[in-house]
Amino acid sequence: MNHAGRRVLVMRHGIVLNRFVLLRAERFFRKKGYEVHNRTYPSTRKRIEEHGKDLADEMLRIDEDFRRRGEPYELYAYVHSMGGLILRHALTHFQLPPVRRAVLVGTPNQGSATARYFRNFPPYRWIFGTSGQQLAADLPGIFGEVGVPVGTELGIIAGDVRWKLYPAPLPRPHDAIVSVAECALPPFPMKILPLPHTPLILASSALEEAEHFFEHGRFRT
């Protein structure tokens, strides 16, 4: 693959997490030659649409910086769980520089049975906040509103384990929190790995699959 200048990678962690959960991924992609942008955002304190606007603003600042320097670049994204919905909203609702390829890891593209199971529990509302209520809403809700990007090649990574964390009615296969069916976003390709939801974003196998997708537009066979 011939790269048009710098390869720039934007990351987004999932709800109630922070940038530190992605530090291993950040180091991995830096070693592969990417300029990585990985920051903490207030995941529970805004609506997903507002997070999408913040991500769009960040990508526009990156574009402005490269344009000012006159340096060509390509933009990629590596996002986890709710971060994938934020990316989809940014790509479909704002005029942005092209994102060549993006990998969505454990993203509940088709809703979250686990979140719906907990939506009437006060601790869920306190901990997961505004965005958590959106994740717990009936379909299509935010899962339809974020839209499906055109012009960006998406790859989906989902997990498959034999246990689950909560007694939610979660269909198999699943990563203990999000089912494979909930991760799917046809017609985009999916890779299923034998890992649970949060370790999925950090595992060497997932990082290598994502890097392969960024390079070739497909996962390893």
Protein backbone atom coordinates (compact mmCIF):
# COMPACT_ATOMS: atom_id res chain seq x y z
CA MET A 1 0.00 0.00 0.00
CA ASN A 2 1.38 3.38 -0.96
CA HIS A 3 0.65 5.90 1.78
CA ALA A 4 -0.12 9.49 0.84
CA GLY A 5 2.01 11.12 3.52
CA ARG A 6 1.62 10.69 7.29
CA ARG A 7 -0.78 8.11 8.65
CA VAL A 8 -2.86 9.72 11.40
CA LEU A 9 -4.94 7.58 13.75
CA VAL A 10 -7.78 8.94 15.90
CA MET A 11 -8.98 6.82 18.84
CA ARG A 12 -12.08 6.84 21.03
CA HIS A 13 -12.56 4.74 24.15
CA GLY A 14 -15.92 3.42 25.35
CA ILE A 15 -18.28 4.68 28.02
CA VAL A 16 -17.00 5.11 31.64
CA LEU A 17 -13.44 4.49 30.47
CA ASN A 18 -10.58 6.87 29.62
CA ARG A 19 -7.63 7.19 27.28
CA PHE A 20 -5.41 5.05 29.52
CA VAL A 21 -7.31 1.89 28.53
CA LEU A 22 -6.03 2.52 24.99
CA LEU A 23 -2.39 3.20 25.87
CA ARG A 24 -1.27 -0.27 24.76
CA ALA A 25 -3.02 0.27 21.42
CA GLU A 26 -1.49 3.74 21.19
CA ARG A 27 2.03 2.34 21.65
CA PHE A 28 1.37 -0.44 19.14
CA PHE A 29 0.27 1.93 16.37
CA ARG A 30 3.00 4.46 17.09
CA LYS A 31 5.55 1.68 16.53
CA LYS A 32 3.81 1.00 13.19
CA GLY A 33 4.41 4.60 12.15
CA TYR A 34 1.06 6.21 12.94
CA GLU A 35 0.62 9.62 14.52
CA VAL A 36 -1.90 8.75 17.24
CA HIS A 37 -4.52 11.05 18.77
CA ASN A 38 -5.95 9.42 21.90
CA ARG A 39 -7.68 11.57 24.49
CA THR A 40 -10.13 11.17 27.35
CA TYR A 41 -13.60 12.62 26.82
CA PRO A 42 -16.49 12.98 29.34
CA SER A 43 -18.24 9.86 28.09
CA THR A 44 -21.20 9.92 30.51
CA ARG A 45 -21.86 13.65 30.66
CA LYS A 46 -22.96 14.44 27.11
CA ARG A 47 -25.22 12.96 24.47
CA ILE A 48 -23.61 10.79 21.80
CA GLU A 49 -24.41 13.49 19.23
CA GLU A 50 -22.39 16.01 21.26
CA HIS A 51 -19.49 13.58 21.50
CA GLY A 52 -19.74 13.21 17.70
CA LYS A 53 -19.44 16.96 17.30
CA ASP A 54 -16.39 17.03 19.58
CA LEU A 55 -14.73 14.28 17.53
CA ALA A 56 -15.55 16.10 14.31
CA ASP A 57 -13.95 19.27 15.70
CA GLU A 58 -10.83 17.29 16.63
CA MET A 59 -10.52 15.85 13.12
CA LEU A 60 -11.01 19.29 11.60
CA ARG A 61 -8.21 20.66 13.81
CA ILE A 62 -5.93 17.84 12.65
CA ASP A 63 -6.78 18.65 9.03
CA GLU A 64 -6.17 22.36 9.56
CA ASP A 65 -2.78 21.64 11.11
CA PHE A 66 -1.64 19.45 8.20
CA ARG A 67 -2.94 21.93 5.64
CA ARG A 68 -1.09 24.78 7.33
CA ARG A 69 2.12 22.74 7.19
CA GLY A 70 1.44 21.69 3.61
CA GLU A 71 1.95 18.06 4.58
CA PRO A 72 -0.14 15.26 3.03
CA TYR A 73 -1.71 12.69 5.34
CA GLU A 74 -4.28 9.90 5.58
CA LEU A 75 -6.76 9.65 8.44
CA TYR A 76 -7.76 6.39 10.18
CA ALA A 77 -9.79 5.57 13.30
CA TYR A 78 -9.65 2.84 15.97
CA VAL A 79 -12.66 3.03 18.28
CA HIS A 80 -14.13 0.90 21.05
CA SER A 81 -17.75 0.21 22.00
CA MET A 82 -19.70 3.50 22.21
CA GLY A 83 -16.74 5.18 20.53
CA GLY A 84 -17.85 3.52 17.31
CA LEU A 85 -21.27 5.18 17.50
CA ILE A 86 -19.55 8.52 18.13
CA LEU A 87 -17.38 8.02 15.05
CA ARG A 88 -20.37 7.05 12.90
CA HIS A 89 -22.22 10.20 13.98
CA ALA A 90 -19.21 12.40 13.25
CA LEU A 91 -18.74 10.91 9.80
CA THR A 92 -22.39 11.19 8.78
CA HIS A 93 -23.34 14.58 10.26
CA PHE A 94 -20.35 16.84 9.56
CA GLN A 95 -18.20 17.85 6.61
CA LEU A 96 -14.91 16.21 7.50
CA PRO A 97 -11.61 15.36 5.88
CA PRO A 98 -11.78 11.83 4.43
CA VAL A 99 -11.27 8.97 6.87
CA ARG A 100 -9.73 6.23 4.76
CA ARG A 101 -10.43 3.26 7.01
CA ALA A 102 -11.81 2.70 10.51
CA VAL A 103 -12.06 -0.31 12.81
CA LEU A 104 -14.97 -0.50 15.26
CA VAL A 105 -14.25 -2.85 18.17
CA GLY A 106 -17.14 -4.21 20.23
CA THR A 107 -19.45 -1.43 19.06
CA PRO A 108 -23.19 -2.08 19.64
CA ASN A 109 -24.18 -0.98 16.15
CA GLN A 110 -27.56 -2.73 16.44
CA GLY A 111 -28.38 -1.81 20.04
CA SER A 112 -27.44 -3.19 23.44
CA ALA A 113 -29.56 -5.81 25.20
CA THR A 114 -27.29 -5.45 28.23
CA ALA A 115 -27.91 -1.70 28.52
CA ARG A 116 -31.67 -2.18 28.04
CA TYR A 117 -31.68 -4.77 30.82
CA PHE A 118 -30.22 -2.25 33.29
CA ARG A 119 -31.96 0.94 32.17
CA ASN A 120 -34.41 1.06 35.12
CA PHE A 121 -31.73 0.36 37.75
CA PRO A 122 -30.81 3.64 39.51
CA PRO A 123 -27.09 2.73 39.76
CA TYR A 124 -26.98 2.32 35.97
CA ARG A 125 -28.44 5.79 35.47
CA TRP A 126 -26.00 7.31 37.98
CA ILE A 127 -22.91 5.60 36.60
CA PHE A 128 -23.57 5.67 32.86
CA GLY A 129 -25.28 9.04 32.71
CA THR A 130 -26.71 10.71 29.62
CA SER A 131 -25.01 8.55 27.00
CA GLY A 132 -25.89 5.43 28.97
CA GLN A 133 -29.59 6.25 28.70
CA GLN A 134 -29.21 6.51 24.92
CA LEU A 135 -27.51 3.11 24.82
CA ALA A 136 -30.38 1.66 26.86
CA ALA A 137 -33.16 3.02 24.64
CA ASP A 138 -35.34 0.92 22.39
CA LEU A 139 -34.32 0.52 18.76
CA PRO A 140 -33.70 2.21 16.45
CA GLY A 141 -33.00 5.29 18.61
CA ILE A 142 -29.44 6.56 18.54
CA PHE A 143 -28.31 3.40 16.74
CA GLY A 144 -30.21 4.51 13.65
CA GLU A 145 -29.61 8.22 14.11
CA VAL A 146 -25.81 7.94 13.93
CA GLY A 147 -26.11 6.79 10.31
CA VAL A 148 -23.84 4.65 8.15
CA PRO A 149 -20.80 6.44 6.70
CA VAL A 150 -20.25 6.62 2.96
CA GLY A 151 -16.70 6.77 1.64
CA THR A 152 -15.00 5.26 4.70
CA GLU A 153 -14.07 1.58 4.72
CA LEU A 154 -15.24 0.12 8.02
CA GLY A 155 -14.09 -3.10 9.64
CA ILE A 156 -15.86 -4.63 12.63
CA ILE A 157 -14.14 -6.65 15.37
CA ALA A 158 -16.42 -8.59 17.74
CA GLY A 159 -15.73 -10.91 20.66
CA ASP A 160 -16.96 -14.39 21.50
CA VAL A 161 -16.68 -15.88 25.00
CA ARG A 162 -18.63 -18.61 26.80
CA TRP A 163 -19.59 -16.53 29.85
CA LYS A 164 -21.29 -13.19 30.44
CA LEU A 165 -20.94 -10.57 33.14
CA TYR A 166 -24.64 -9.89 33.76
CA PRO A 167 -27.94 -11.81 33.63
CA ALA A 168 -29.07 -9.80 30.61
CA PRO A 169 -30.78 -11.76 27.79
CA LEU A 170 -27.74 -11.63 25.54
CA PRO A 171 -27.84 -13.91 22.48
CA ARG A 172 -24.81 -16.05 21.66
CA PRO A 173 -22.18 -15.51 20.45
CA HIS A 174 -21.22 -12.48 22.53
CA ASP A 175 -18.26 -10.82 24.25
CA ALA A 176 -19.97 -10.95 27.70
CA ILE A 177 -21.52 -7.48 27.14
CA VAL A 178 -22.32 -7.03 23.41
CA SER A 179 -23.43 -9.79 21.06
CA VAL A 180 -21.86 -10.44 17.68
CA ALA A 181 -25.24 -9.72 16.07
CA GLU A 182 -25.33 -6.33 17.83
CA CYS A 183 -21.84 -5.52 16.52
CA ALA A 184 -22.70 -6.32 12.90
CA LEU A 185 -23.05 -3.47 10.41
CA PRO A 186 -23.72 -4.93 6.96
CA PRO A 187 -22.19 -4.90 4.43
CA PHE A 188 -18.94 -4.20 6.28
CA PRO A 189 -16.62 -7.13 7.09
CA MET A 190 -16.40 -8.57 10.59
CA LYS A 191 -13.68 -10.44 12.46
CA ILE A 192 -14.67 -12.49 15.53
CA LEU A 193 -12.01 -13.12 18.17
CA PRO A 194 -12.26 -15.27 21.34
CA LEU A 195 -12.04 -12.31 23.70
CA PRO A 196 -14.32 -10.38 26.09
CA HIS A 197 -15.52 -6.83 25.60
CA THR A 198 -12.84 -4.62 27.16
CA PRO A 199 -9.75 -6.83 26.61
CA LEU A 200 -10.84 -6.97 22.97
CA ILE A 201 -9.54 -3.44 22.42
CA LEU A 202 -6.11 -4.27 23.86
CA ALA A 203 -5.31 -7.80 22.71
CA SER A 204 -2.42 -8.29 20.31
CA SER A 205 -4.65 -10.28 17.97
CA ALA A 206 -7.16 -7.43 17.71
CA LEU A 207 -4.46 -4.81 17.20
CA GLU A 208 -2.81 -6.89 14.49
CA GLU A 209 -6.14 -7.44 12.76
CA ALA A 210 -6.88 -3.72 12.87
CA GLU A 211 -3.46 -2.82 11.47
CA HIS A 212 -3.92 -5.38 8.70
CA PHE A 213 -7.30 -3.83 7.88
CA PHE A 214 -5.78 -0.34 7.78
CA GLU A 215 -3.12 -1.60 5.37
CA HIS A 216 -5.19 -3.81 3.09
CA GLY A 217 -8.89 -3.02 3.60
CA ARG A 218 -9.59 -6.56 4.82
CA PHE A 219 -8.95 -8.73 7.85
CA ARG A 220 -6.54 -11.65 7.84
CA THR A 221 -7.97 -14.96 6.68
